[in-house]
Amino acid sequence: MAWPVSNIIHYPSSKKAIQVPSVISNRSLSRSHCSTITINISPIMPPMVSCRLATSVVHRINIFQFPFLTSSVIHRRLATTHHHSHQSILSEIHPQHLYQIINNVDQYQHFLPYCLESKILRVSPCGTMMDAVLRVGLPLGSSSALGTVLEERYVSRVRMIPPSCVGENSDEQVWIVEAKSIQSNLLDSLKSRWRLSVVPSHQCNAFSFGDAGNIEVPEEPPNRASCNVKFDVEIQVSNPIISFTLDKVLKDVARKQVDAFERRCRDEPFDGIDVDLRKRQ
């Protein structure tokens, strides 16, 4: 049952009091309870309410808060988005082989440029999603002679999508790996996406005669299926200094990442067997 209670509102500038009826649940206040509320009037800001009698009802009914003016929203509005897409054909490398190398995050620190630390934290029960911590050091300029790096340690959520789960309207097999930062200090957002597909040898022959557009193609056609790689990276950052740096180095960093994965595939033998990441935990 609800009881009407008279709240006395004092206006400090006029020293007047006005009785305003309100309804408060009898679970919080009895019939004889009342509270005195002081409203400070400002010509710019909305009224700020303070209550002398602290009750749970007053805390729940907070109509003068504006959650849309939070600092996180302001940062997102000021953030600059940097995007780069790299596409190439890796001769005589099966997409499944590269797919396994990409998913083996623990080994990144041993072969990947700018990667100082890499560790898988947890793997989902289905084995197609994991969280991993990465620490990277990006050069603050186009010349490595500067010797200055931007170092960041963040947690990335990785989603691995094998061909049976891709669901694209095509007969070709496609392997996809998507990653997104979920904890980062310097970067507002970091996303990456690998799309791997099989390139038959006869298509590589056609590409070698100039049908590939801006795709990087090996000089000699491979003797077996190759891998068509499309690597996209998108970074959002609010810091103007970091934003300026990414404009200078992002393209070069993306190209070196793909080159490093290609070398790793050629150094590591491929047995054609899927690796279950859940067994590594």
Protein backbone atom coordinates (compact mmCIF):
# COMPACT_ATOMS: atom_id res chain seq x y z
CA MET A 1 0.00 0.00 0.00
CA ALA A 2 1.30 3.54 -0.82
CA TRP A 3 0.94 6.52 1.53
CA PRO A 4 0.92 10.20 0.47
CA VAL A 5 3.73 12.18 2.07
CA SER A 6 4.24 15.94 1.98
CA ASN A 7 7.81 16.92 1.06
CA ILE A 8 8.88 20.48 1.96
CA ILE A 9 11.02 22.04 -0.79
CA HIS A 10 13.14 25.05 0.27
CA TYR A 11 14.45 27.55 -2.30
CA PRO A 12 17.54 29.20 -0.76
CA SER A 13 17.30 32.35 -2.93
CA SER A 14 13.71 33.17 -1.99
CA LYS A 15 13.61 31.36 1.37
CA LYS A 16 10.19 30.04 0.49
CA ALA A 17 8.84 26.60 1.18
CA ILE A 18 6.35 24.79 -1.01
CA GLN A 19 4.61 21.58 -0.04
CA VAL A 20 4.69 19.03 -2.83
CA PRO A 21 2.68 15.79 -2.49
CA SER A 22 4.49 12.60 -3.40
CA VAL A 23 3.88 8.89 -3.09
CA ILE A 24 6.33 6.70 -1.21
CA SER A 25 5.92 2.99 -0.61
CA ASN A 26 5.11 1.97 2.95
CA ARG A 27 7.99 -0.53 2.73
CA SER A 28 10.44 2.38 2.98
CA LEU A 29 8.56 5.00 5.05
CA SER A 30 5.69 4.84 7.49
CA ARG A 31 2.71 7.19 7.36
CA SER A 32 4.33 9.64 9.78
CA HIS A 33 7.65 9.88 7.90
CA CYS A 34 8.50 12.87 5.76
CA SER A 35 11.69 14.31 4.31
CA THR A 36 13.04 17.78 3.62
CA ILE A 37 14.53 18.24 0.13
CA THR A 38 16.69 21.24 -0.75
CA ILE A 39 16.91 22.28 -4.42
CA ASN A 40 19.80 24.54 -5.45
CA ILE A 41 18.85 26.55 -8.53
CA SER A 42 21.55 27.32 -11.10
CA PRO A 43 21.00 29.43 -14.25
CA ILE A 44 22.96 26.93 -16.42
CA MET A 45 22.95 23.46 -14.88
CA PRO A 46 19.76 21.49 -14.01
CA PRO A 47 18.69 21.42 -10.35
CA MET A 48 20.81 19.25 -8.07
CA VAL A 49 18.83 17.43 -5.41
CA SER A 50 20.06 16.60 -1.92
CA CYS A 51 17.93 14.86 0.65
CA ARG A 52 18.48 15.11 4.40
CA LEU A 53 16.69 11.84 5.02
CA ALA A 54 18.57 9.14 3.16
CA THR A 55 16.15 6.57 1.80
CA SER A 56 16.37 3.94 -0.90
CA VAL A 57 13.46 5.62 -2.69
CA VAL A 58 15.41 8.83 -3.23
CA HIS A 59 18.35 6.92 -4.71
CA ARG A 60 16.15 4.99 -7.11
CA ILE A 61 14.26 8.06 -8.35
CA ASN A 62 17.20 10.07 -9.70
CA ILE A 63 15.79 12.16 -12.54
CA PHE A 64 18.63 14.70 -12.79
CA GLN A 65 21.33 12.39 -14.08
CA PHE A 66 22.42 12.53 -17.73
CA PRO A 67 24.31 9.30 -18.53
CA PHE A 68 24.83 10.33 -22.16
CA LEU A 69 27.44 12.91 -21.04
CA THR A 70 29.96 10.31 -19.87
CA SER A 71 33.67 10.53 -20.68
CA SER A 72 33.60 7.26 -22.64
CA VAL A 73 31.02 8.68 -25.05
CA ILE A 74 33.07 11.85 -25.51
CA HIS A 75 36.17 9.76 -26.26
CA ARG A 76 34.32 7.71 -28.86
CA ARG A 77 33.17 10.87 -30.60
CA LEU A 78 36.74 12.18 -30.74
CA ALA A 79 38.31 8.86 -31.80
CA THR A 80 39.93 8.56 -35.21
CA THR A 81 39.52 5.31 -37.15
CA HIS A 82 42.48 3.90 -39.07
CA HIS A 83 41.84 1.05 -41.50
CA HIS A 84 44.08 -0.91 -43.81
CA SER A 85 43.37 -3.91 -46.03
CA HIS A 86 46.07 -6.20 -47.40
CA GLN A 87 45.45 -8.90 -50.00
CA SER A 88 47.92 -11.36 -51.47
CA ILE A 89 48.27 -14.93 -52.74
CA LEU A 90 50.65 -17.24 -50.89
CA SER A 91 51.92 -19.90 -53.27
CA GLU A 92 51.91 -23.54 -52.19
CA ILE A 93 50.50 -22.76 -48.75
CA HIS A 94 47.20 -24.40 -47.86
CA PRO A 95 44.67 -22.07 -46.14
CA GLN A 96 44.18 -24.57 -43.34
CA HIS A 97 47.92 -24.43 -42.62
CA LEU A 98 47.87 -20.64 -42.29
CA TYR A 99 44.65 -20.90 -40.28
CA GLN A 100 46.40 -23.06 -37.70
CA ILE A 101 49.42 -20.75 -37.51
CA ILE A 102 47.16 -17.74 -36.91
CA ASN A 103 45.27 -19.53 -34.14
CA ASN A 104 48.47 -20.54 -32.34
CA VAL A 105 48.71 -17.21 -30.49
CA ASP A 106 51.19 -18.55 -27.91
CA GLN A 107 53.88 -18.64 -30.61
CA TYR A 108 53.43 -15.09 -31.89
CA GLN A 109 56.19 -13.71 -29.67
CA HIS A 110 58.71 -16.03 -31.36
CA PHE A 111 58.22 -14.93 -34.98
CA LEU A 112 55.82 -11.99 -35.32
CA PRO A 113 57.30 -8.48 -35.73
CA TYR A 114 56.44 -5.98 -32.99
CA CYS A 115 54.99 -8.74 -30.76
CA LEU A 116 56.73 -8.76 -27.37
CA GLU A 117 54.37 -11.07 -25.49
CA SER A 118 51.59 -13.48 -26.44
CA LYS A 119 49.64 -15.94 -24.32
CA ILE A 120 46.29 -17.71 -24.63
CA LEU A 121 44.30 -17.08 -21.44
CA ARG A 122 41.24 -19.28 -22.01
CA VAL A 123 39.51 -21.25 -24.75
CA SER A 124 35.75 -21.72 -25.07
CA PRO A 125 34.33 -25.24 -24.59
CA CYS A 126 33.56 -25.49 -28.31
CA GLY A 127 37.16 -24.55 -29.17
CA THR A 128 36.25 -21.77 -31.63
CA MET A 129 36.77 -18.75 -29.37
CA MET A 130 39.56 -17.69 -27.05
CA ASP A 131 40.93 -14.75 -25.05
CA ALA A 132 44.62 -13.93 -25.39
CA VAL A 133 46.92 -11.28 -23.96
CA LEU A 134 49.26 -9.50 -26.37
CA ARG A 135 51.98 -6.91 -25.80
CA VAL A 136 53.12 -5.03 -28.88
CA GLY A 137 55.67 -2.31 -29.58
CA LEU A 138 55.02 -0.22 -32.69
CA PRO A 139 57.68 2.13 -34.11
CA LEU A 140 56.92 5.83 -33.70
CA GLY A 141 57.96 6.69 -37.22
CA SER A 142 58.65 5.27 -40.65
CA SER A 143 62.34 4.77 -39.90
CA SER A 144 63.45 2.07 -37.48
CA ALA A 145 66.53 4.19 -36.70
CA LEU A 146 64.40 6.37 -34.43
CA GLY A 147 64.50 3.64 -31.82
CA THR A 148 61.24 4.82 -30.22
CA VAL A 149 58.27 2.50 -29.91
CA LEU A 150 54.69 2.70 -28.73
CA GLU A 151 54.14 -0.19 -26.34
CA GLU A 152 50.69 -1.49 -25.44
CA ARG A 153 49.47 -4.58 -23.59
CA TYR A 154 45.88 -5.60 -24.22
CA VAL A 155 43.48 -8.56 -24.14
CA SER A 156 42.06 -9.73 -27.45
CA ARG A 157 39.02 -11.95 -28.04
CA VAL A 158 39.62 -14.23 -31.01
CA ARG A 159 36.89 -16.02 -32.95
CA MET A 160 37.92 -18.88 -35.24
CA ILE A 161 35.47 -19.86 -37.99
CA PRO A 162 36.25 -23.04 -39.99
CA PRO A 163 34.76 -23.61 -43.47
CA SER A 164 31.84 -25.63 -42.13
CA CYS A 165 30.63 -22.61 -40.11
CA VAL A 166 31.29 -19.71 -42.48
CA GLY A 167 27.97 -19.89 -44.30
CA GLU A 168 28.95 -17.80 -47.33
CA ASN A 169 26.95 -18.25 -50.54
CA SER A 170 29.74 -19.95 -52.41
CA ASP A 171 31.11 -23.39 -53.06
CA GLU A 172 34.64 -22.37 -52.08
CA GLN A 173 36.05 -23.22 -48.67
CA VAL A 174 36.75 -20.18 -46.51
CA TRP A 175 38.59 -19.93 -43.19
CA ILE A 176 38.01 -16.81 -41.08
CA VAL A 177 39.74 -15.52 -37.94
CA GLU A 178 38.37 -12.40 -36.24
CA ALA A 179 39.92 -10.60 -33.27
CA LYS A 180 38.78 -7.64 -31.19
CA SER A 181 40.41 -5.95 -28.21
CA ILE A 182 38.35 -6.12 -25.01
CA GLN A 183 40.84 -4.53 -22.59
CA SER A 184 43.21 -1.79 -23.75
CA ASN A 185 44.64 1.39 -22.25
CA LEU A 186 45.92 3.39 -25.24
CA LEU A 187 43.62 2.10 -27.98
CA ASP A 188 39.86 2.63 -28.04
CA SER A 189 39.40 -0.38 -30.31
CA LEU A 190 41.54 -2.79 -32.30
CA LYS A 191 39.94 -5.21 -34.75
CA SER A 192 41.44 -7.59 -37.27
CA ARG A 193 40.03 -10.12 -39.71
CA TRP A 194 41.68 -12.85 -41.76
CA ARG A 195 39.84 -14.37 -44.70
CA LEU A 196 41.57 -17.39 -46.25
CA SER A 197 40.45 -19.34 -49.30
CA VAL A 198 41.87 -21.91 -51.70
CA VAL A 199 43.28 -20.74 -55.04
CA PRO A 200 43.55 -23.61 -57.57
CA SER A 201 46.66 -23.72 -59.73
CA HIS A 202 44.78 -22.84 -62.96
CA GLN A 203 43.52 -19.62 -61.36
CA CYS A 204 47.04 -18.72 -60.33
CA ASN A 205 48.06 -19.13 -63.99
CA ALA A 206 45.37 -16.62 -64.98
CA PHE A 207 46.48 -14.22 -62.27
CA SER A 208 50.06 -14.34 -63.49
CA PHE A 209 48.92 -12.81 -66.80
CA GLY A 210 47.58 -9.70 -65.07
CA ASP A 211 44.02 -10.62 -64.07
CA ALA A 212 44.66 -10.12 -60.37
CA GLY A 213 44.32 -6.36 -60.27
CA ASN A 214 46.19 -5.03 -57.25
CA ILE A 215 46.66 -8.49 -55.69
CA GLU A 216 50.25 -9.53 -55.09
CA VAL A 217 50.90 -12.70 -57.12
CA PRO A 218 53.97 -14.97 -57.16
CA GLU A 219 56.07 -14.86 -60.32
CA GLU A 220 55.81 -18.59 -60.95
CA PRO A 221 52.47 -20.41 -60.67
CA PRO A 222 52.43 -23.03 -57.91
CA ASN A 223 52.14 -26.73 -58.61
CA ARG A 224 49.34 -27.14 -56.07
CA ALA A 225 46.60 -25.13 -54.37
CA SER A 226 47.63 -21.83 -52.84
CA CYS A 227 46.07 -19.47 -50.32
CA ASN A 228 44.22 -16.27 -51.10
CA VAL A 229 44.73 -13.99 -48.08
CA LYS A 230 42.70 -10.92 -47.20
CA PHE A 231 43.82 -9.24 -43.99
CA ASP A 232 41.91 -6.25 -42.59
CA VAL A 233 42.92 -4.25 -39.53
CA GLU A 234 40.99 -1.37 -37.97
CA ILE A 235 42.19 0.74 -35.04
CA GLN A 236 40.30 3.49 -33.22
CA VAL A 237 42.30 5.88 -31.06
CA SER A 238 41.59 9.21 -29.36
CA ASN A 239 45.17 10.26 -28.65
CA PRO A 240 46.27 12.58 -31.51
CA ILE A 241 49.95 11.60 -31.22
CA ILE A 242 49.16 7.89 -31.50
CA SER A 243 46.74 8.63 -34.34
CA PHE A 244 49.46 10.47 -36.27
CA THR A 245 51.85 7.55 -35.73
CA LEU A 246 49.36 4.97 -37.01
CA ASP A 247 48.88 6.94 -40.21
CA LYS A 248 52.60 6.53 -40.90
CA VAL A 249 53.20 2.90 -39.95
CA LEU A 250 49.93 0.92 -40.21
CA LYS A 251 50.35 -0.10 -43.85
CA ASP A 252 53.92 -1.25 -43.29
CA VAL A 253 52.99 -3.11 -40.09
CA ALA A 254 50.14 -5.00 -41.82
CA ARG A 255 52.40 -6.07 -44.71
CA LYS A 256 55.12 -7.29 -42.33
CA GLN A 257 52.54 -9.26 -40.34
CA VAL A 258 51.39 -11.17 -43.42
CA ASP A 259 54.99 -11.76 -44.53
CA ALA A 260 55.87 -13.16 -41.11
CA PHE A 261 52.96 -15.61 -41.16
CA GLU A 262 53.96 -16.74 -44.63
CA ARG A 263 57.54 -17.47 -43.49
CA ARG A 264 56.20 -19.33 -40.47
CA CYS A 265 54.07 -21.54 -42.71
CA ARG A 266 57.09 -22.41 -44.84
CA ASP A 267 59.20 -23.17 -41.77
CA GLU A 268 56.56 -25.29 -40.03
CA PRO A 269 55.48 -28.56 -41.72
CA PHE A 270 51.79 -29.06 -42.36
CA ASP A 271 50.25 -32.46 -41.67
CA GLY A 272 46.67 -31.57 -42.60
CA ILE A 273 45.34 -32.33 -39.11
CA ASP A 274 43.31 -29.72 -37.24
CA VAL A 275 44.86 -28.58 -33.96
CA ASP A 276 42.51 -28.62 -30.95
CA LEU A 277 43.37 -25.56 -28.86
CA ARG A 278 41.39 -26.93 -25.90
CA LYS A 279 44.10 -29.56 -25.34
CA ARG A 280 46.68 -26.82 -24.70
CA GLN A 281 44.88 -25.44 -21.67
